[in-house]
PDB file of all heavy atoms in Angstrom:
ATOM      1  N   VAL A   1      89.967  91.641  83.225  1.00  0.00           N
ATOM      2  CA  VAL A   1      89.130  91.088  84.301  1.00  0.00           C
ATOM      3  C   VAL A   1      89.289  91.939  85.564  1.00  0.00           C
ATOM      4  O   VAL A   1      90.371  92.417  85.829  1.00  0.00           O
ATOM      5  CB  VAL A   1      89.518  89.595  84.631  1.00  0.00           C
ATOM      6  CG1 VAL A   1      89.090  88.684  83.491  1.00  0.00           C
ATOM      7  CG2 VAL A   1      90.960  89.428  84.938  1.00  0.00           C
ATOM      8  N   GLU A   2      88.232  92.095  86.274  1.00  0.00           N
ATOM      9  CA  GLU A   2      88.258  92.846  87.525  1.00  0.00           C
ATOM     10  C   GLU A   2      88.149  91.807  88.653  1.00  0.00           C
ATOM     11  O   GLU A   2      87.286  90.931  88.693  1.00  0.00           O
ATOM     12  CB  GLU A   2      87.081  93.814  87.618  1.00  0.00           C
ATOM     13  CG  GLU A   2      87.014  94.833  86.489  1.00  0.00           C
ATOM     14  CD  GLU A   2      88.145  95.859  86.556  1.00  0.00           C
ATOM     15  OE1 GLU A   2      88.736  95.965  87.641  1.00  0.00           O
ATOM     16  OE2 GLU A   2      88.409  96.496  85.525  1.00  0.00           O
ATOM     17  N   ILE A   3      89.056  91.950  89.657  1.00  0.00           N
ATOM     18  CA  ILE A   3      89.135  91.019  90.770  1.00  0.00           C
ATOM     19  C   ILE A   3      88.832  91.760  92.089  1.00  0.00           C
ATOM     20  O   ILE A   3      89.383  92.851  92.327  1.00  0.00           O
ATOM     21  CB  ILE A   3      90.550  90.387  90.849  1.00  0.00           C
ATOM     22  CG1 ILE A   3      90.945  89.792  89.494  1.00  0.00           C
ATOM     23  CG2 ILE A   3      90.590  89.328  91.960  1.00  0.00           C
ATOM     24  CD1 ILE A   3      90.076  88.675  89.047  1.00  0.00           C
ATOM     25  N   LYS A   4      87.984  91.190  92.897  1.00  0.00           N
ATOM     26  CA  LYS A   4      87.674  91.753  94.205  1.00  0.00           C
ATOM     27  C   LYS A   4      88.652  91.321  95.258  1.00  0.00           C
ATOM     28  O   LYS A   4      89.234  90.256  95.160  1.00  0.00           O
ATOM     29  CB  LYS A   4      86.258  91.354  94.629  1.00  0.00           C
ATOM     30  CG  LYS A   4      85.127  91.847  93.703  1.00  0.00           C
ATOM     31  CD  LYS A   4      85.034  93.368  93.724  1.00  0.00           C
ATOM     32  CE  LYS A   4      83.817  93.851  92.914  1.00  0.00           C
ATOM     33  NZ  LYS A   4      83.751  95.341  92.896  1.00  0.00           N
ATOM     34  N   LYS A   5      88.880  92.164  96.254  1.00  0.00           N
ATOM     35  CA  LYS A   5      89.738  91.844  97.365  1.00  0.00           C
ATOM     36  C   LYS A   5      89.327  90.504  97.984  1.00  0.00           C
ATOM     37  O   LYS A   5      88.166  90.249  98.170  1.00  0.00           O
ATOM     38  CB  LYS A   5      89.703  92.945  98.411  1.00  0.00           C
ATOM     39  CG  LYS A   5      90.592  92.711  99.615  1.00  0.00           C
ATOM     40  CD  LYS A   5      90.498  93.854 100.606  1.00  0.00           C
ATOM     41  CE  LYS A   5      91.376  93.587 101.819  1.00  0.00           C
ATOM     42  NZ  LYS A   5      91.271  94.729 102.823  1.00  0.00           N
ATOM     43  N   ASN A   6      90.338  89.642  98.257  1.00  0.00           N
ATOM     44  CA  ASN A   6      90.184  88.309  98.849  1.00  0.00           C
ATOM     45  C   ASN A   6      89.770  87.209  97.850  1.00  0.00           C
ATOM     46  O   ASN A   6      89.783  86.069  98.213  1.00  0.00           O
ATOM     47  CB  ASN A   6      89.236  88.319 100.046  1.00  0.00           C
ATOM     48  CG  ASN A   6      89.746  89.163 101.190  1.00  0.00           C
ATOM     49  OD1 ASN A   6      90.942  89.199 101.452  1.00  0.00           O
ATOM     50  ND2 ASN A   6      88.841  89.840 101.899  1.00  0.00           N
ATOM     51  N   ASP A   7      89.405  87.634  96.608  1.00  0.00           N
ATOM     52  CA  ASP A   7      89.111  86.592  95.630  1.00  0.00           C
ATOM     53  C   ASP A   7      90.413  85.946  95.137  1.00  0.00           C
ATOM     54  O   ASP A   7      91.493  86.485  95.304  1.00  0.00           O
ATOM     55  CB  ASP A   7      88.385  87.205  94.387  1.00  0.00           C
ATOM     56  CG  ASP A   7      86.939  87.502  94.689  1.00  0.00           C
ATOM     57  OD1 ASP A   7      86.454  87.112  95.790  1.00  0.00           O
ATOM     58  OD2 ASP A   7      86.280  88.164  93.855  1.00  0.00           O
ATOM     59  N   PHE A   8      90.252  84.751  94.540  1.00  0.00           N
ATOM     60  CA  PHE A   8      91.426  83.993  94.130  1.00  0.00           C
ATOM     61  C   PHE A   8      91.609  84.113  92.599  1.00  0.00           C
ATOM     62  O   PHE A   8      90.667  83.881  91.847  1.00  0.00           O
ATOM     63  CB  PHE A   8      91.288  82.520  94.501  1.00  0.00           C
ATOM     64  CG  PHE A   8      91.383  82.309  96.001  1.00  0.00           C
ATOM     65  CD1 PHE A   8      90.293  82.306  96.802  1.00  0.00           C
ATOM     66  CD2 PHE A   8      92.653  82.122  96.578  1.00  0.00           C
ATOM     67  CE1 PHE A   8      90.421  82.136  98.176  1.00  0.00           C
ATOM     68  CE2 PHE A   8      92.796  81.935  97.930  1.00  0.00           C
ATOM     69  CZ  PHE A   8      91.682  81.929  98.740  1.00  0.00           C
ATOM     70  N   LEU A   9      92.830  84.443  92.240  1.00  0.00           N
ATOM     71  CA  LEU A   9      93.187  84.453  90.809  1.00  0.00           C
ATOM     72  C   LEU A   9      93.544  83.052  90.335  1.00  0.00           C
ATOM     73  O   LEU A   9      93.245  82.625  89.238  1.00  0.00           O
ATOM     74  CB  LEU A   9      94.353  85.416  90.591  1.00  0.00           C
ATOM     75  CG  LEU A   9      94.502  86.049  89.215  1.00  0.00           C
ATOM     76  CD1 LEU A   9      93.235  86.809  88.831  1.00  0.00           C
ATOM     77  CD2 LEU A   9      95.696  86.971  89.189  1.00  0.00           C
ATOM     78  N   ILE A  10      94.239  82.331  91.230  1.00  0.00           N
ATOM     79  CA  ILE A  10      94.576  80.918  91.012  1.00  0.00           C
ATOM     80  C   ILE A  10      94.166  80.170  92.284  1.00  0.00           C
ATOM     81  O   ILE A  10      94.450  80.618  93.391  1.00  0.00           O
ATOM     82  CB  ILE A  10      96.105  80.768  90.760  1.00  0.00           C
ATOM     83  CG1 ILE A  10      96.513  81.442  89.444  1.00  0.00           C
ATOM     84  CG2 ILE A  10      96.517  79.289  90.772  1.00  0.00           C
ATOM     85  CD1 ILE A  10      98.003  81.422  89.177  1.00  0.00           C
ATOM     86  N   GLU A  11      93.523  79.041  92.078  1.00  0.00           N
ATOM     87  CA  GLU A  11      93.040  78.240  93.202  1.00  0.00           C
ATOM     88  C   GLU A  11      93.850  76.943  93.339  1.00  0.00           C
ATOM     89  O   GLU A  11      94.100  76.247  92.359  1.00  0.00           O
ATOM     90  CB  GLU A  11      91.559  77.899  93.055  1.00  0.00           C
ATOM     91  CG  GLU A  11      90.644  79.159  93.041  1.00  0.00           C
ATOM     92  CD  GLU A  11      89.185  78.803  93.008  1.00  0.00           C
ATOM     93  OE1 GLU A  11      88.695  78.111  93.925  1.00  0.00           O
ATOM     94  OE2 GLU A  11      88.513  79.194  92.028  1.00  0.00           O
ATOM     95  N   LYS A  12      94.168  76.621  94.595  1.00  0.00           N
ATOM     96  CA  LYS A  12      94.902  75.389  94.851  1.00  0.00           C
ATOM     97  C   LYS A  12      94.058  74.175  94.461  1.00  0.00           C
ATOM     98  O   LYS A  12      92.829  74.126  94.691  1.00  0.00           O
ATOM     99  CB  LYS A  12      95.217  75.328  96.348  1.00  0.00           C
ATOM    100  CG  LYS A  12      96.033  74.040  96.720  1.00  0.00           C
ATOM    101  CD  LYS A  12      96.364  74.013  98.217  1.00  0.00           C
ATOM    102  CE  LYS A  12      97.117  72.761  98.561  1.00  0.00           C
ATOM    103  NZ  LYS A  12      97.446  72.682 100.019  1.00  0.00           N
ATOM    104  N   GLY A  13      94.690  73.191  93.831  1.00  0.00           N
ATOM    105  CA  GLY A  13      94.013  71.970  93.464  1.00  0.00           C
ATOM    106  C   GLY A  13      93.403  72.013  92.055  1.00  0.00           C
ATOM    107  O   GLY A  13      93.034  70.965  91.531  1.00  0.00           O
ATOM    108  N   LYS A  14      93.334  73.210  91.464  1.00  0.00           N
ATOM    109  CA  LYS A  14      92.811  73.314  90.108  1.00  0.00           C
ATOM    110  C   LYS A  14      93.963  73.512  89.120  1.00  0.00           C
ATOM    111  O   LYS A  14      95.064  73.923  89.478  1.00  0.00           O
ATOM    112  CB  LYS A  14      91.841  74.509  90.024  1.00  0.00           C
ATOM    113  CG  LYS A  14      90.558  74.275  90.829  1.00  0.00           C
ATOM    114  CD  LYS A  14      89.535  75.389  90.575  1.00  0.00           C
ATOM    115  CE  LYS A  14      88.235  75.147  91.329  1.00  0.00           C
ATOM    116  NZ  LYS A  14      87.220  76.204  91.084  1.00  0.00           N
ATOM    117  N   THR A  15      93.673  73.193  87.890  1.00  0.00           N
ATOM    118  CA  THR A  15      94.691  73.348  86.844  1.00  0.00           C
ATOM    119  C   THR A  15      94.702  74.800  86.308  1.00  0.00           C
ATOM    120  O   THR A  15      93.615  75.341  86.032  1.00  0.00           O
ATOM    121  CB  THR A  15      94.457  72.391  85.682  1.00  0.00           C
ATOM    122  OG1 THR A  15      94.427  71.082  86.202  1.00  0.00           O
ATOM    123  CG2 THR A  15      95.556  72.512  84.641  1.00  0.00           C
ATOM    124  N   ALA A  16      95.870  75.390  86.197  1.00  0.00           N
ATOM    125  CA  ALA A  16      95.979  76.770  85.751  1.00  0.00           C
ATOM    126  C   ALA A  16      95.904  76.796  84.203  1.00  0.00           C
ATOM    127  O   ALA A  16      96.825  76.392  83.529  1.00  0.00           O
ATOM    128  CB  ALA A  16      97.270  77.382  86.219  1.00  0.00           C
ATOM    129  N   ASN A  17      94.765  77.244  83.679  1.00  0.00           N
ATOM    130  CA  ASN A  17      94.554  77.333  82.221  1.00  0.00           C
ATOM    131  C   ASN A  17      94.737  78.750  81.701  1.00  0.00           C
ATOM    132  O   ASN A  17      94.560  78.990  80.492  1.00  0.00           O
ATOM    133  CB  ASN A  17      93.170  76.833  81.883  1.00  0.00           C
ATOM    134  CG  ASN A  17      92.975  75.372  82.191  1.00  0.00           C
ATOM    135  OD1 ASN A  17      93.876  74.560  81.932  1.00  0.00           O
ATOM    136  ND2 ASN A  17      91.851  75.017  82.790  1.00  0.00           N
ATOM    137  N   HIS A  18      95.077  79.679  82.577  1.00  0.00           N
ATOM    138  CA  HIS A  18      95.295  81.076  82.208  1.00  0.00           C
ATOM    139  C   HIS A  18      96.531  81.613  82.928  1.00  0.00           C
ATOM    140  O   HIS A  18      96.912  81.075  83.945  1.00  0.00           O
ATOM    141  CB  HIS A  18      94.112  81.963  82.549  1.00  0.00           C
ATOM    142  CG  HIS A  18      92.840  81.591  81.850  1.00  0.00           C
ATOM    143  ND1 HIS A  18      91.988  80.566  82.285  1.00  0.00           N
ATOM    144  CD2 HIS A  18      92.231  82.095  80.741  1.00  0.00           C
ATOM    145  CE1 HIS A  18      90.962  80.483  81.492  1.00  0.00           C
ATOM    146  NE2 HIS A  18      91.091  81.404  80.533  1.00  0.00           N
ATOM    147  N   TYR A  19      97.084  82.679  82.404  1.00  0.00           N
ATOM    148  CA  TYR A  19      97.971  83.467  83.204  1.00  0.00           C
ATOM    149  C   TYR A  19      97.573  84.934  83.023  1.00  0.00           C
ATOM    150  O   TYR A  19      96.769  85.285  82.161  1.00  0.00           O
ATOM    151  CB  TYR A  19      99.440  83.229  82.915  1.00  0.00           C
ATOM    152  CG  TYR A  19      99.978  83.683  81.588  1.00  0.00           C
ATOM    153  CD1 TYR A  19     100.308  85.030  81.333  1.00  0.00           C
ATOM    154  CD2 TYR A  19     100.264  82.742  80.570  1.00  0.00           C
ATOM    155  CE1 TYR A  19     100.866  85.418  80.132  1.00  0.00           C
ATOM    156  CE2 TYR A  19     100.816  83.122  79.338  1.00  0.00           C
ATOM    157  CZ  TYR A  19     101.100  84.476  79.154  1.00  0.00           C
ATOM    158  OH  TYR A  19     101.616  84.865  77.960  1.00  0.00           O
ATOM    159  N   PHE A  20      98.108  85.805  83.906  1.00  0.00           N
ATOM    160  CA  PHE A  20      97.594  87.136  84.042  1.00  0.00           C
ATOM    161  C   PHE A  20      98.736  88.182  84.145  1.00  0.00           C
ATOM    162  O   PHE A  20      99.819  87.869  84.651  1.00  0.00           O
ATOM    163  CB  PHE A  20      96.772  87.273  85.312  1.00  0.00           C
ATOM    164  CG  PHE A  20      95.669  86.269  85.464  1.00  0.00           C
ATOM    165  CD1 PHE A  20      95.939  84.957  85.915  1.00  0.00           C
ATOM    166  CD2 PHE A  20      94.341  86.576  85.163  1.00  0.00           C
ATOM    167  CE1 PHE A  20      94.944  84.038  86.068  1.00  0.00           C
ATOM    168  CE2 PHE A  20      93.317  85.656  85.305  1.00  0.00           C
ATOM    169  CZ  PHE A  20      93.656  84.356  85.742  1.00  0.00           C
ATOM    170  N   PHE A  21      98.438  89.380  83.645  1.00  0.00           N
ATOM    171  CA  PHE A  21      99.314  90.526  83.924  1.00  0.00           C
ATOM    172  C   PHE A  21      98.496  91.495  84.779  1.00  0.00           C
ATOM    173  O   PHE A  21      97.292  91.771  84.521  1.00  0.00           O
ATOM    174  CB  PHE A  21      99.735  91.234  82.658  1.00  0.00           C
ATOM    175  CG  PHE A  21     100.768  90.483  81.894  1.00  0.00           C
ATOM    176  CD1 PHE A  21     100.447  89.848  80.682  1.00  0.00           C
ATOM    177  CD2 PHE A  21     102.047  90.338  82.369  1.00  0.00           C
ATOM    178  CE1 PHE A  21     101.386  89.146  79.947  1.00  0.00           C
ATOM    179  CE2 PHE A  21     103.008  89.609  81.661  1.00  0.00           C
ATOM    180  CZ  PHE A  21     102.696  89.016  80.439  1.00  0.00           C
ATOM    181  N   ILE A  22      99.102  92.014  85.831  1.00  0.00           N
ATOM    182  CA  ILE A  22      98.421  92.901  86.776  1.00  0.00           C
ATOM    183  C   ILE A  22      98.522  94.351  86.287  1.00  0.00           C
ATOM    184  O   ILE A  22      99.619  94.901  86.166  1.00  0.00           O
ATOM    185  CB  ILE A  22      98.989  92.809  88.199  1.00  0.00           C
ATOM    186  CG1 ILE A  22      98.926  91.350  88.678  1.00  0.00           C
ATOM    187  CG2 ILE A  22      98.246  93.724  89.136  1.00  0.00           C
ATOM    188  CD1 ILE A  22      99.634  91.132  90.022  1.00  0.00           C
ATOM    189  N   GLU A  23      97.361  94.981  86.055  1.00  0.00           N
ATOM    190  CA  GLU A  23      97.386  96.382  85.748  1.00  0.00           C
ATOM    191  C   GLU A  23      97.357  97.240  86.980  1.00  0.00           C
ATOM    192  O   GLU A  23      98.014  98.262  87.101  1.00  0.00           O
ATOM    193  CB  GLU A  23      96.149  96.720  84.851  1.00  0.00           C
ATOM    194  CG  GLU A  23      96.057  98.214  84.498  1.00  0.00           C
ATOM    195  CD  GLU A  23      94.949  98.498  83.513  1.00  0.00           C
ATOM    196  OE1 GLU A  23      94.514  97.581  82.795  1.00  0.00           O
ATOM    197  OE2 GLU A  23      94.514  99.676  83.467  1.00  0.00           O
ATOM    198  N   SER A  24      96.591  96.800  87.962  1.00  0.00           N
ATOM    199  CA  SER A  24      96.524  97.508  89.255  1.00  0.00           C
ATOM    200  C   SER A  24      96.146  96.511  90.360  1.00  0.00           C
ATOM    201  O   SER A  24      95.475  95.524  90.086  1.00  0.00           O
ATOM    202  CB  SER A  24      95.514  98.632  89.226  1.00  0.00           C
ATOM    203  OG  SER A  24      94.187  98.143  89.041  1.00  0.00           O
ATOM    204  N   GLY A  25      96.575  96.794  91.569  1.00  0.00           N
ATOM    205  CA  GLY A  25      96.262  95.895  92.674  1.00  0.00           C
ATOM    206  C   GLY A  25      97.436  95.072  93.125  1.00  0.00           C
ATOM    207  O   GLY A  25      98.530  95.100  92.511  1.00  0.00           O
ATOM    208  N   PHE A  26      97.203  94.324  94.224  1.00  0.00           N
ATOM    209  CA  PHE A  26      98.239  93.491  94.790  1.00  0.00           C
ATOM    210  C   PHE A  26      97.720  92.109  95.117  1.00  0.00           C
ATOM    211  O   PHE A  26      96.565  91.928  95.502  1.00  0.00           O
ATOM    212  CB  PHE A  26      98.795  94.122  96.075  1.00  0.00           C
ATOM    213  CG  PHE A  26      99.340  95.500  95.869  1.00  0.00           C
ATOM    214  CD1 PHE A  26      98.533  96.610  96.102  1.00  0.00           C
ATOM    215  CD2 PHE A  26     100.639  95.710  95.461  1.00  0.00           C
ATOM    216  CE1 PHE A  26      99.043  97.890  95.899  1.00  0.00           C
ATOM    217  CE2 PHE A  26     101.141  96.994  95.278  1.00  0.00           C
ATOM    218  CZ  PHE A  26     100.332  98.075  95.487  1.00  0.00           C
ATOM    219  N   PHE A  27      98.599  91.086  94.950  1.00  0.00           N
ATOM    220  CA  PHE A  27      98.229  89.692  95.223  1.00  0.00           C
ATOM    221  C   PHE A  27      99.333  89.058  96.035  1.00  0.00           C
ATOM    222  O   PHE A  27     100.459  89.534  96.143  1.00  0.00           O
ATOM    223  CB  PHE A  27      98.066  88.912  93.908  1.00  0.00           C
ATOM    224  CG  PHE A  27      96.923  89.374  93.065  1.00  0.00           C
ATOM    225  CD1 PHE A  27      97.049  90.489  92.219  1.00  0.00           C
ATOM    226  CD2 PHE A  27      95.726  88.663  93.046  1.00  0.00           C
ATOM    227  CE1 PHE A  27      95.985  90.874  91.432  1.00  0.00           C
ATOM    228  CE2 PHE A  27      94.658  89.053  92.240  1.00  0.00           C
ATOM    229  CZ  PHE A  27      94.802  90.185  91.428  1.00  0.00           C
ATOM    230  N   ARG A  28      99.013  87.887  96.616  1.00  0.00           N
ATOM    231  CA  ARG A  28     100.053  87.060  97.232  1.00  0.00           C
ATOM    232  C   ARG A  28      99.743  85.598  96.939  1.00  0.00           C
ATOM    233  O   ARG A  28      98.581  85.197  96.828  1.00  0.00           O
ATOM    234  CB  ARG A  28     100.133  87.287  98.734  1.00  0.00           C
ATOM    235  CG  ARG A  28      98.977  86.653  99.528  1.00  0.00           C
ATOM    236  CD  ARG A  28      99.239  86.706 101.023  1.00  0.00           C
ATOM    237  NE  ARG A  28      98.146  86.063 101.758  1.00  0.00           N
ATOM    238  CZ  ARG A  28      98.319  85.117 102.670  1.00  0.00           C
ATOM    239  NH1 ARG A  28      99.550  84.736 102.970  1.00  0.00           N
ATOM    240  NH2 ARG A  28      97.295  84.577 103.297  1.00  0.00           N
ATOM    241  N   SER A  29     100.798  84.781  96.851  1.00  0.00           N
ATOM    242  CA  SER A  29     100.670  83.338  96.883  1.00  0.00           C
ATOM    243  C   SER A  29     101.060  82.869  98.228  1.00  0.00           C
ATOM    244  O   SER A  29     101.878  83.513  98.902  1.00  0.00           O
ATOM    245  CB  SER A  29     101.532  82.690  95.748  1.00  0.00           C
ATOM    246  OG  SER A  29     102.889  83.000  95.979  1.00  0.00           O
ATOM    247  N   TYR A  30     100.483  81.761  98.650  1.00  0.00           N
ATOM    248  CA  TYR A  30     100.818  81.263  99.994  1.00  0.00           C
ATOM    249  C   TYR A  30     100.642  79.762 100.083  1.00  0.00           C
ATOM    250  O   TYR A  30      99.978  79.123  99.261  1.00  0.00           O
ATOM    251  CB  TYR A  30      99.997  81.969 101.041  1.00  0.00           C
ATOM    252  CG  TYR A  30      98.531  81.660 100.999  1.00  0.00           C
ATOM    253  CD1 TYR A  30      97.983  80.577 101.714  1.00  0.00           C
ATOM    254  CD2 TYR A  30      97.642  82.414 100.213  1.00  0.00           C
ATOM    255  CE1 TYR A  30      96.624  80.295 101.663  1.00  0.00           C
ATOM    256  CE2 TYR A  30      96.279  82.162 100.153  1.00  0.00           C
ATOM    257  CZ  TYR A  30      95.784  81.065 100.907  1.00  0.00           C
ATOM    258  OH  TYR A  30      94.440  80.762 100.830  1.00  0.00           O
ATOM    259  N   SER A  31     101.270  79.207 101.090  1.00  0.00           N
ATOM    260  CA  SER A  31     101.073  77.791 101.446  1.00  0.00           C
ATOM    261  C   SER A  31     100.717  77.705 102.928  1.00  0.00           C
ATOM    262  O   SER A  31     100.891  78.659 103.677  1.00  0.00           O
ATOM    263  CB  SER A  31     102.333  76.961 101.141  1.00  0.00           C
ATOM    264  OG  SER A  31     103.422  77.449 101.950  1.00  0.00           O
ATOM    265  N   VAL A  32     100.181  76.570 103.341  1.00  0.00           N
ATOM    266  CA  VAL A  32      99.802  76.375 104.725  1.00  0.00           C
ATOM    267  C   VAL A  32     100.708  75.317 105.336  1.00  0.00           C
ATOM    268  O   VAL A  32     100.813  74.219 104.803  1.00  0.00           O
ATOM    269  CB  VAL A  32      98.313  75.947 104.858  1.00  0.00           C
ATOM    270  CG1 VAL A  32      97.941  75.714 106.302  1.00  0.00           C
ATOM    271  CG2 VAL A  32      97.416  77.021 104.218  1.00  0.00           C
ATOM    272  N   ASN A  33     101.389  75.687 106.430  1.00  0.00           N
ATOM    273  CA  ASN A  33     102.368  74.737 107.012  1.00  0.00           C
ATOM    274  C   ASN A  33     101.635  73.696 107.865  1.00  0.00           C
ATOM    275  O   ASN A  33     100.424  73.667 107.998  1.00  0.00           O
ATOM    276  CB  ASN A  33     103.423  75.475 107.800  1.00  0.00           C
ATOM    277  CG  ASN A  33     102.867  76.199 109.014  1.00  0.00           C
ATOM    278  OD1 ASN A  33     101.755  75.940 109.487  1.00  0.00           O
ATOM    279  ND2 ASN A  33     103.693  77.117 109.564  1.00  0.00           N
ATOM    280  N   LEU A  34     102.431  72.808 108.460  1.00  0.00           N
ATOM    281  CA  LEU A  34     101.864  71.689 109.237  1.00  0.00           C
ATOM    282  C   LEU A  34     101.097  72.160 110.460  1.00  0.00           C
ATOM    283  O   LEU A  34     100.280  71.433 110.998  1.00  0.00           O
ATOM    284  CB  LEU A  34     103.008  70.712 109.641  1.00  0.00           C
ATOM    285  CG  LEU A  34     103.720  70.035 108.519  1.00  0.00           C
ATOM    286  CD1 LEU A  34     104.871  69.167 109.025  1.00  0.00           C
ATOM    287  CD2 LEU A  34     102.730  69.138 107.730  1.00  0.00           C
TER     288      LEU A  34
END
C-alpha cells in the first residue's frame, strides 16, 4: 500500500483489522492532552 503524507494508517476510534510493515517513510502515533 502507498500512503500519502498526513494520511492515517490507523485511525482513533476504529478497530485495527490490519497491521503493517514500513518499507519506506516515517509515521508517528500521538494523543491529545487536556
